[in-house]
Amino acid sequence: MRYAISDVPIIKRMLRSRWLQWSLTALTLLFFVLAIIAGLVGTPAGNRNFGIVFVWIVWWALLILLLLPFAGRLWCGVCPIPAPGEWLQRRALVQPRPGGKLYTLGKQWPRALRNIWLQNVGFLGVALFSTVILTTPLATALVLLGFMIVAIGTSLVFERRTFCRYLCPVGGFIGLYSQVAPIELRVKDTAICAGHTEKTCYTGSDEGYGCPWLVFPGSLTNNMSCGLCTECLKTCTRDNIALFVRQPGADLLKTTGHKLDEAYKGLIMLACAFIYSTVLIGPWGVLKETARAVGTPGWFAYAGIFLALNLAILPGLFWLAVRGGQWISQPAKTTMRKLFSDYAATLVPLGLTAWIAFSLSFVLVNFSYAWSVLSDPLGWGWNLLGTVGLKWTPYIPGLVPYLQVPVLLIGLTAAIALALRTARQHGQTPWAAAPVTVFCTAATLGLLGLYLA
């Protein structure tokens, strides 16, 4: 069951308006630029610097706790990182050029790289140095500035939002977890799309640009590649595209057709949730110091363990679980690679709830830094809003475990249900899902052990 909320007149006007989306993007760009400036010239004290507090605490809280679970890729629709490059590409800020013309070299992204492997590599690179990035304003500024420079460069050379589709490390995991969200942008009737020869939703028109994400809306079946920019809704001449409210996790109910790069993204995100929980909020201070000491022998040992866990150990254990399901049940009528990728759908709810549980402890402890930083974003002794005197106060620290436990159990329950569904759709007996269920249960118990210790 789903309902087209964009058919409500006031919502349709909002989604068709270019000014609303542009205003939100311009606002996020303002905060983004301020975060870079704060990192370059502001105080080096992370808990007093706008870049650290508003990127890694406030923005992260909004993304993980609200936007991803309930709005999917909504952030991608107003993200400031690709905005300057896209404005240069269009040579326009708000209103479209006639015919949706773009000014770019128009190079096509290499076919072999039309996947999320580079996003996986990029996320691993950021995550490996995250202990430094999350606490050092200058490092945060350089990373954000680097993202924007690459986004502008790809906009000038390649077609449309190539950076967002194939390179952005953040976009990779947003796309993965957006499958859980209770909203989707889809066509109303695929037959109408098939009979519409102009395909203005993909090619563009005087009303707007062709899909910036290089997706034909008529063939869109999940949220991973849709950036919710609503450009197709503006350019469709048949009023055949809508924003729907749907059953949460509807994309995951079809547990076949997944790809290996998606599977590795799920494994990487789960591994990093465990590593972050251990290093950043665990009781072992020596781990955090080792992770910060980039270039030392201890750090190289940490980097080796980090990469091994992400690229070999956890994927290997998951492969054994899927393989074990074949041993104790009738073999699936598909390849092991395909079976591995499809069972990895279980990692989506499991990983998302793991990140929510981690963020609850991290964010609620540190969120109060935001009030004083609002008045003194650069740490220069200002008091613009009169809030600089507000002291750091952790929010509801005693209740955090009572929030983490049910969140993790919800993720585990959804993962087990998906494992059973995958076994059924591949013609296996329910026992085939048992090893994957054990894998997911062990991961959940490991996280619970960290949070309840």
Protein backbone atom coordinates (compact mmCIF):
# COMPACT_ATOMS: atom_id res chain seq x y z
CA MET A 1 0.00 0.00 0.00
CA ARG A 2 1.23 3.50 -0.79
CA TYR A 3 -0.20 7.00 -1.07
CA ALA A 4 0.90 9.77 -3.45
CA ILE A 5 1.33 12.73 -1.11
CA SER A 6 2.51 14.88 -4.01
CA ASP A 7 -1.05 14.78 -5.37
CA VAL A 8 -2.08 16.98 -2.45
CA PRO A 9 -2.22 20.44 -4.12
CA ILE A 10 -0.12 22.35 -1.58
CA ILE A 11 2.57 19.64 -1.50
CA LYS A 12 2.64 19.48 -5.30
CA ARG A 13 3.17 23.25 -5.50
CA MET A 14 6.03 23.00 -3.00
CA LEU A 15 7.73 20.17 -4.87
CA ARG A 16 7.35 21.90 -8.24
CA SER A 17 8.68 25.17 -6.88
CA ARG A 18 12.33 25.79 -7.63
CA TRP A 19 12.64 28.44 -4.99
CA LEU A 20 11.98 26.16 -2.03
CA GLN A 21 14.68 23.64 -2.90
CA TRP A 22 17.12 26.37 -3.94
CA SER A 23 16.56 28.24 -0.65
CA LEU A 24 17.20 25.12 1.42
CA THR A 25 20.34 24.31 -0.59
CA ALA A 26 21.60 27.88 -0.25
CA LEU A 27 21.03 27.69 3.51
CA THR A 28 22.95 24.43 3.86
CA LEU A 29 25.71 25.91 1.67
CA LEU A 30 25.98 28.84 4.07
CA PHE A 31 26.50 26.45 6.99
CA PHE A 32 28.92 24.39 4.89
CA VAL A 33 31.08 27.41 4.02
CA LEU A 34 31.03 28.56 7.64
CA ALA A 35 32.20 25.10 8.72
CA ILE A 36 35.14 25.33 6.29
CA ILE A 37 36.05 28.85 7.42
CA ALA A 38 35.85 27.80 11.07
CA GLY A 39 38.15 24.89 10.38
CA LEU A 40 40.69 27.03 8.53
CA VAL A 41 40.86 30.10 10.78
CA GLY A 42 38.85 29.26 13.90
CA THR A 43 39.90 27.79 17.21
CA PRO A 44 41.63 24.39 17.08
CA ALA A 45 39.53 23.28 20.07
CA GLY A 46 37.01 20.92 18.50
CA ASN A 47 34.27 21.39 21.11
CA ARG A 48 34.32 25.16 20.48
CA ASN A 49 34.59 25.07 16.69
CA PHE A 50 31.54 25.35 14.42
CA GLY A 51 32.98 22.92 11.88
CA ILE A 52 33.32 20.06 14.35
CA VAL A 53 30.16 20.67 16.38
CA PHE A 54 27.73 21.38 13.55
CA VAL A 55 29.06 18.85 11.05
CA TRP A 56 29.87 15.85 13.23
CA ILE A 57 27.28 16.36 15.98
CA VAL A 58 24.30 18.43 14.77
CA TRP A 59 24.28 17.42 11.08
CA TRP A 60 25.15 13.81 11.91
CA ALA A 61 22.30 13.65 14.44
CA LEU A 62 19.80 15.00 11.92
CA LEU A 63 21.03 12.62 9.22
CA ILE A 64 21.21 9.36 11.17
CA LEU A 65 18.41 9.82 13.68
CA LEU A 66 15.81 11.60 11.51
CA LEU A 67 16.49 12.02 7.79
CA LEU A 68 17.72 8.56 6.86
CA PRO A 69 15.11 6.49 8.73
CA PHE A 70 12.16 8.69 7.81
CA ALA A 71 13.06 10.66 4.67
CA GLY A 72 15.66 8.56 2.86
CA ARG A 73 17.73 10.65 0.46
CA LEU A 74 16.10 13.96 1.35
CA TRP A 75 19.51 15.31 2.39
CA CYS A 76 20.84 14.63 -1.11
CA GLY A 77 18.10 16.87 -2.49
CA VAL A 78 19.43 19.90 -0.58
CA CYS A 79 23.10 18.93 -0.15
CA PRO A 80 25.48 21.91 -0.62
CA ILE A 81 28.47 19.91 -1.88
CA PRO A 82 27.36 19.50 -5.54
CA ALA A 83 25.49 22.83 -5.66
CA PRO A 84 28.27 25.17 -6.92
CA GLY A 85 29.31 22.69 -9.60
CA GLU A 86 25.73 22.17 -10.67
CA TRP A 87 25.10 25.92 -10.87
CA LEU A 88 28.20 26.26 -13.06
CA GLN A 89 27.04 23.34 -15.16
CA ARG A 90 23.64 24.95 -15.66
CA ARG A 91 24.88 28.57 -15.75
CA ALA A 92 21.80 29.35 -13.70
CA LEU A 93 20.86 29.45 -10.03
CA VAL A 94 17.10 28.92 -9.97
CA GLN A 95 15.22 29.02 -13.28
CA PRO A 96 16.27 26.44 -15.91
CA ARG A 97 17.87 27.19 -19.24
CA PRO A 98 15.67 26.59 -22.34
CA GLY A 99 15.54 22.87 -23.04
CA GLY A 100 17.37 22.09 -19.81
CA LYS A 101 20.72 22.70 -21.53
CA LEU A 102 23.88 21.93 -19.55
CA TYR A 103 27.31 23.50 -20.08
CA THR A 104 29.84 20.73 -19.53
CA LEU A 105 32.27 18.66 -21.54
CA GLY A 106 29.62 15.97 -21.24
CA LYS A 107 32.03 13.07 -20.77
CA GLN A 108 30.39 9.82 -19.74
CA TRP A 109 31.56 8.10 -16.60
CA PRO A 110 33.52 4.89 -17.44
CA ARG A 111 31.15 1.93 -17.65
CA ALA A 112 33.35 -0.21 -15.42
CA LEU A 113 33.00 2.34 -12.61
CA ARG A 114 29.21 2.75 -12.79
CA ASN A 115 28.71 1.26 -9.35
CA ILE A 116 29.45 2.23 -5.74
CA TRP A 117 32.88 0.62 -5.39
CA LEU A 118 34.62 4.02 -5.44
CA GLN A 119 32.14 5.27 -2.83
CA ASN A 120 33.07 2.27 -0.71
CA VAL A 121 36.78 3.10 -1.07
CA GLY A 122 36.13 6.77 -0.30
CA PHE A 123 34.15 5.97 2.82
CA LEU A 124 36.86 3.60 4.05
CA GLY A 125 39.46 6.33 3.51
CA VAL A 126 37.48 8.87 5.53
CA ALA A 127 36.62 6.32 8.21
CA LEU A 128 40.24 5.23 8.61
CA PHE A 129 41.24 8.79 9.53
CA SER A 130 37.94 9.63 11.24
CA THR A 131 39.40 9.94 14.73
CA VAL A 132 41.48 12.85 13.45
CA ILE A 133 38.81 14.30 11.16
CA LEU A 134 36.09 14.25 13.83
CA THR A 135 38.21 16.09 16.40
CA THR A 136 40.48 18.38 14.35
CA PRO A 137 38.81 21.44 12.76
CA LEU A 138 41.49 21.88 10.09
CA ALA A 139 41.16 18.24 8.99
CA THR A 140 37.37 18.59 8.75
CA ALA A 141 37.72 21.78 6.69
CA LEU A 142 40.17 20.18 4.26
CA VAL A 143 37.96 17.12 3.79
CA LEU A 144 34.86 19.24 3.13
CA LEU A 145 36.79 21.52 0.79
CA GLY A 146 38.18 18.49 -1.03
CA PHE A 147 34.69 17.08 -1.54
CA MET A 148 33.51 20.36 -3.06
CA ILE A 149 36.52 20.72 -5.37
CA VAL A 150 36.06 17.19 -6.71
CA ALA A 151 32.31 17.80 -7.13
CA ILE A 152 32.95 21.00 -9.12
CA GLY A 153 35.59 19.31 -11.25
CA THR A 154 33.38 16.37 -12.16
CA SER A 155 30.47 18.73 -12.93
CA LEU A 156 32.58 20.57 -15.48
CA VAL A 157 33.92 17.43 -17.14
CA PHE A 158 31.23 14.75 -16.77
CA GLU A 159 27.49 14.76 -17.35
CA ARG A 160 25.05 15.72 -14.63
CA ARG A 161 25.68 14.71 -10.98
CA THR A 162 28.39 12.15 -11.63
CA PHE A 163 30.03 12.96 -8.29
CA CYS A 164 26.85 12.23 -6.34
CA ARG A 165 26.05 9.05 -8.23
CA TYR A 166 29.45 7.39 -8.26
CA LEU A 167 31.95 9.16 -5.99
CA CYS A 168 30.43 10.75 -2.89
CA PRO A 169 31.37 8.64 0.19
CA VAL A 170 28.39 10.01 2.13
CA GLY A 171 25.98 9.39 -0.74
CA GLY A 172 26.95 5.72 -0.78
CA PHE A 173 25.66 4.91 2.67
CA ILE A 174 22.72 7.32 2.39
CA GLY A 175 21.63 5.42 -0.70
CA LEU A 176 22.01 2.06 1.03
CA TYR A 177 19.97 3.02 4.09
CA SER A 178 17.41 5.07 2.14
CA GLN A 179 15.83 1.73 1.23
CA VAL A 180 14.41 1.64 4.76
CA ALA A 181 12.62 5.00 4.47
CA PRO A 182 8.81 5.19 4.21
CA ILE A 183 8.93 7.47 1.15
CA GLU A 184 9.78 6.95 -2.50
CA LEU A 185 9.72 8.87 -5.78
CA ARG A 186 8.24 6.67 -8.51
CA VAL A 187 6.11 6.79 -11.63
CA LYS A 188 2.39 6.26 -11.15
CA ASP A 189 1.87 4.12 -14.26
CA THR A 190 4.77 2.48 -16.14
CA ALA A 191 2.57 2.04 -19.23
CA ILE A 192 2.29 5.82 -19.58
CA CYS A 193 6.09 6.08 -19.45
CA ALA A 194 6.44 3.40 -22.12
CA GLY A 195 4.15 5.33 -24.46
CA HIS A 196 5.79 8.73 -23.86
CA THR A 197 8.46 8.97 -26.53
CA GLU A 198 9.95 12.35 -25.51
CA LYS A 199 11.09 11.12 -22.05
CA THR A 200 11.47 14.72 -20.79
CA CYS A 201 12.03 13.38 -17.26
CA TYR A 202 15.39 12.07 -18.47
CA THR A 203 16.29 14.43 -21.33
CA GLY A 204 15.05 17.70 -19.83
CA SER A 205 12.75 20.42 -21.15
CA ASP A 206 12.00 24.10 -20.78
CA GLU A 207 10.56 23.25 -17.36
CA GLY A 208 13.74 21.71 -16.01
CA TYR A 209 16.70 19.42 -16.42
CA GLY A 210 16.97 15.74 -17.19
CA CYS A 211 17.47 13.52 -14.15
CA PRO A 212 20.71 14.75 -12.55
CA TRP A 213 21.28 11.23 -11.16
CA LEU A 214 21.30 9.62 -14.62
CA VAL A 215 18.23 7.52 -13.83
CA PHE A 216 15.20 6.96 -16.04
CA PRO A 217 12.30 7.29 -13.57
CA GLY A 218 10.19 4.76 -15.48
CA SER A 219 12.64 2.00 -14.52
CA LEU A 220 13.30 3.14 -10.95
CA THR A 221 12.63 0.31 -8.48
CA ASN A 222 14.44 1.41 -5.30
CA ASN A 223 15.71 4.51 -3.52
CA MET A 224 19.44 3.88 -3.90
CA SER A 225 19.93 5.91 -7.09
CA CYS A 226 17.27 8.57 -6.60
CA GLY A 227 18.49 11.81 -5.00
CA LEU A 228 14.98 13.19 -4.36
CA CYS A 229 15.79 16.34 -6.32
CA THR A 230 12.25 16.14 -7.81
CA GLU A 231 13.58 17.37 -11.18
CA CYS A 232 11.64 14.60 -12.93
CA LEU A 233 8.44 15.64 -11.19
CA LYS A 234 8.92 19.14 -12.62
CA THR A 235 9.66 17.99 -16.18
CA CYS A 236 7.13 15.16 -16.61
CA THR A 237 4.49 16.40 -19.05
CA ARG A 238 2.06 13.57 -18.17
CA ASP A 239 1.87 14.21 -14.41
CA ASN A 240 2.98 10.60 -14.01
CA ILE A 241 5.60 10.98 -11.26
CA ALA A 242 4.77 11.29 -7.60
CA LEU A 243 6.25 11.25 -4.12
CA PHE A 244 4.71 8.32 -2.27
CA VAL A 245 4.38 7.37 1.38
CA ARG A 246 4.83 3.62 1.59
CA GLN A 247 5.55 0.71 3.88
CA PRO A 248 8.95 1.23 5.57
CA GLY A 249 11.64 -0.94 4.03
CA ALA A 250 9.60 -1.76 0.92
CA ASP A 251 12.73 -1.79 -1.25
CA LEU A 252 14.17 -4.65 0.81
CA LEU A 253 11.16 -6.93 0.45
CA LYS A 254 12.41 -7.92 -2.98
CA THR A 255 15.39 -9.84 -1.71
CA THR A 256 16.83 -10.72 -5.12
CA GLY A 257 18.70 -8.56 -7.60
CA HIS A 258 21.22 -7.04 -5.21
CA LYS A 259 24.82 -6.43 -6.25
CA LEU A 260 28.19 -7.22 -4.74
CA ASP A 261 29.17 -3.57 -4.29
CA GLU A 262 25.97 -3.01 -2.27
CA ALA A 263 26.76 -6.08 -0.16
CA TYR A 264 30.23 -4.76 0.64
CA LYS A 265 28.79 -1.36 1.50
CA GLY A 266 26.52 -3.04 4.05
CA LEU A 267 29.45 -4.99 5.52
CA ILE A 268 31.71 -1.91 5.62
CA MET A 269 29.06 0.16 7.37
CA LEU A 270 28.43 -2.57 9.96
CA ALA A 271 32.15 -3.03 10.59
CA CYS A 272 32.69 0.73 10.95
CA ALA A 273 29.75 1.04 13.37
CA PHE A 274 31.44 -1.55 15.57
CA ILE A 275 34.87 0.10 15.24
CA TYR A 276 33.52 3.59 15.96
CA SER A 277 31.66 2.30 19.01
CA THR A 278 34.82 0.62 20.28
CA VAL A 279 37.30 3.39 19.56
CA LEU A 280 35.30 6.61 20.04
CA ILE A 281 33.00 5.81 22.96
CA GLY A 282 34.50 2.63 24.40
CA PRO A 283 36.37 2.60 27.72
CA TRP A 284 39.76 1.95 26.09
CA GLY A 285 41.37 5.36 25.75
CA VAL A 286 44.55 3.83 24.33
CA LEU A 287 42.62 2.76 21.21
CA LYS A 288 41.48 6.31 20.56
CA GLU A 289 45.00 7.66 21.05
CA THR A 290 46.41 5.02 18.73
CA ALA A 291 43.83 5.83 16.05
CA ARG A 292 44.76 9.53 16.31
CA ALA A 293 48.52 8.96 16.11
CA VAL A 294 48.66 8.82 12.31
CA GLY A 295 52.00 7.60 10.96
CA THR A 296 53.19 5.83 14.10
CA PRO A 297 53.81 2.06 14.23
CA GLY A 298 50.74 1.69 16.45
CA TRP A 299 48.58 3.52 13.92
CA PHE A 300 49.76 1.29 11.08
CA ALA A 301 48.79 -1.72 13.16
CA TYR A 302 45.39 -0.13 13.77
CA ALA A 303 45.00 0.63 10.04
CA GLY A 304 45.85 -2.96 9.16
CA ILE A 305 43.26 -4.34 11.60
CA PHE A 306 40.71 -1.75 10.42
CA LEU A 307 41.09 -2.71 6.75
CA ALA A 308 41.24 -6.42 7.47
CA LEU A 309 38.03 -6.29 9.47
CA ASN A 310 36.24 -4.32 6.75
CA LEU A 311 37.55 -6.10 3.66
CA ALA A 312 38.29 -9.64 4.76
CA ILE A 313 37.24 -10.75 8.24
CA LEU A 314 33.62 -9.59 8.34
CA PRO A 315 32.95 -10.39 4.65
CA GLY A 316 34.59 -13.78 5.18
CA LEU A 317 32.40 -14.57 8.18
CA PHE A 318 29.31 -13.50 6.28
CA TRP A 319 30.33 -15.63 3.28
CA LEU A 320 30.73 -18.63 5.61
CA ALA A 321 27.26 -17.94 7.02
CA VAL A 322 25.68 -17.87 3.56
CA ARG A 323 27.67 -20.93 2.52
CA GLY A 324 26.64 -22.70 5.70
CA GLY A 325 23.01 -22.11 4.79
CA GLN A 326 23.61 -24.02 1.57
CA TRP A 327 25.23 -26.90 3.44
CA ILE A 328 22.33 -27.44 5.84
CA SER A 329 19.58 -26.84 3.30
CA GLN A 330 18.87 -27.64 -0.29
CA PRO A 331 21.18 -25.61 -2.56
CA ALA A 332 19.81 -22.43 -4.07
CA LYS A 333 19.39 -22.31 -7.83
CA THR A 334 21.85 -19.47 -8.22
CA THR A 335 25.54 -18.64 -7.87
CA MET A 336 27.23 -18.16 -4.51
CA ARG A 337 28.07 -14.56 -5.46
CA LYS A 338 24.42 -13.83 -6.14
CA LEU A 339 23.31 -15.52 -2.94
CA PHE A 340 25.93 -13.58 -0.93
CA SER A 341 24.72 -10.28 -2.39
CA ASP A 342 21.04 -11.02 -1.80
CA TYR A 343 21.48 -12.17 1.80
CA ALA A 344 23.39 -8.93 2.43
CA ALA A 345 20.04 -7.12 2.37
CA THR A 346 19.83 -8.22 6.02
CA LEU A 347 22.70 -5.85 6.77
CA VAL A 348 20.66 -2.76 5.85
CA PRO A 349 18.31 -2.64 8.88
CA LEU A 350 21.01 -4.20 11.06
CA GLY A 351 23.59 -1.59 10.09
CA LEU A 352 21.24 1.38 10.23
CA THR A 353 20.08 0.54 13.75
CA ALA A 354 23.71 -0.01 14.77
CA TRP A 355 24.54 3.52 13.60
CA ILE A 356 21.45 4.91 15.33
CA ALA A 357 22.50 3.22 18.59
CA PHE A 358 26.04 4.58 18.27
CA SER A 359 24.79 8.07 17.42
CA LEU A 360 22.43 8.17 20.41
CA SER A 361 25.34 7.85 22.82
CA PHE A 362 27.68 10.07 20.85
CA VAL A 363 25.20 12.82 19.99
CA LEU A 364 23.25 13.08 23.24
CA VAL A 365 26.47 13.40 25.23
CA ASN A 366 27.88 16.17 23.01
CA PHE A 367 24.88 18.02 21.53
CA SER A 368 24.87 20.77 24.18
CA TYR A 369 28.14 22.13 22.73
CA ALA A 370 26.02 23.51 19.87
CA TRP A 371 24.40 26.28 21.94
CA SER A 372 27.62 28.09 22.84
CA VAL A 373 29.13 27.54 19.38
CA LEU A 374 26.10 29.28 17.81
CA SER A 375 27.19 32.47 19.52
CA ASP A 376 30.91 31.99 18.93
CA PRO A 377 31.35 29.82 15.79
CA LEU A 378 35.06 30.56 15.36
CA GLY A 379 35.98 30.43 19.02
CA TRP A 380 37.10 34.07 18.97
CA GLY A 381 35.30 35.17 22.12
CA TRP A 382 32.08 36.38 20.47
CA ASN A 383 28.62 36.15 22.05
CA LEU A 384 26.33 36.83 19.10
CA LEU A 385 23.17 35.19 20.51
CA GLY A 386 23.94 35.38 24.20
CA THR A 387 24.40 31.62 24.55
CA VAL A 388 28.17 31.40 24.89
CA GLY A 389 27.88 30.96 28.64
CA LEU A 390 25.80 27.78 28.38
CA LYS A 391 27.87 24.92 29.70
CA TRP A 392 28.27 21.42 28.33
CA THR A 393 25.59 19.13 29.73
CA PRO A 394 25.05 15.54 28.54
CA TYR A 395 21.38 14.85 27.78
CA ILE A 396 19.58 11.94 29.46
CA PRO A 397 22.75 9.85 29.87
CA GLY A 398 20.98 7.36 32.12
CA LEU A 399 18.31 6.65 29.50
CA VAL A 400 20.59 6.11 26.51
CA PRO A 401 20.99 2.32 27.02
CA TYR A 402 17.20 1.98 27.29
CA LEU A 403 16.97 3.58 23.84
CA GLN A 404 19.84 1.61 22.31
CA VAL A 405 18.58 -1.84 23.29
CA PRO A 406 15.16 -1.65 21.56
CA VAL A 407 16.69 0.04 18.52
CA LEU A 408 19.21 -2.78 18.07
CA LEU A 409 16.54 -5.42 18.65
CA ILE A 410 14.33 -3.85 15.98
CA GLY A 411 17.23 -4.05 13.53
CA LEU A 412 17.93 -7.67 14.45
CA THR A 413 14.26 -8.65 14.07
CA ALA A 414 14.09 -7.03 10.62
CA ALA A 415 17.35 -8.71 9.59
CA ILE A 416 16.10 -12.16 10.61
CA ALA A 417 12.82 -11.60 8.74
CA LEU A 418 14.76 -10.63 5.61
CA ALA A 419 17.03 -13.67 5.94
CA LEU A 420 14.01 -15.97 6.03
CA ARG A 421 12.43 -14.14 3.09
CA THR A 422 15.66 -14.43 1.07
CA ALA A 423 15.82 -18.17 1.71
CA ARG A 424 12.23 -18.55 0.56
CA GLN A 425 12.70 -16.46 -2.59
CA HIS A 426 15.72 -18.56 -3.52
CA GLY A 427 13.82 -21.81 -3.06
CA GLN A 428 15.68 -22.81 0.10
CA THR A 429 14.24 -24.15 3.33
CA PRO A 430 14.00 -21.78 6.33
CA TRP A 431 17.03 -23.52 7.86
CA ALA A 432 19.19 -21.90 5.18
CA ALA A 433 18.68 -18.58 6.97
CA ALA A 434 19.96 -19.94 10.30
CA PRO A 435 23.71 -19.18 9.86
CA VAL A 436 22.98 -15.63 8.65
CA THR A 437 20.65 -15.23 11.63
CA VAL A 438 23.49 -16.34 13.91
CA PHE A 439 25.81 -13.80 12.24
CA CYS A 440 23.31 -10.96 12.76
CA THR A 441 22.60 -12.02 16.35
CA ALA A 442 26.32 -12.14 17.17
CA ALA A 443 26.81 -8.64 15.73
CA THR A 444 23.91 -7.32 17.79
CA LEU A 445 25.15 -8.98 21.00
CA GLY A 446 28.61 -7.54 20.38
CA LEU A 447 27.22 -4.02 20.11
CA LEU A 448 24.99 -4.53 23.16
CA GLY A 449 28.04 -5.67 25.09
CA LEU A 450 29.85 -2.45 24.20
CA TYR A 451 26.93 -0.17 25.06
CA LEU A 452 25.89 -1.90 28.28
CA ALA A 453 29.39 -2.47 29.66
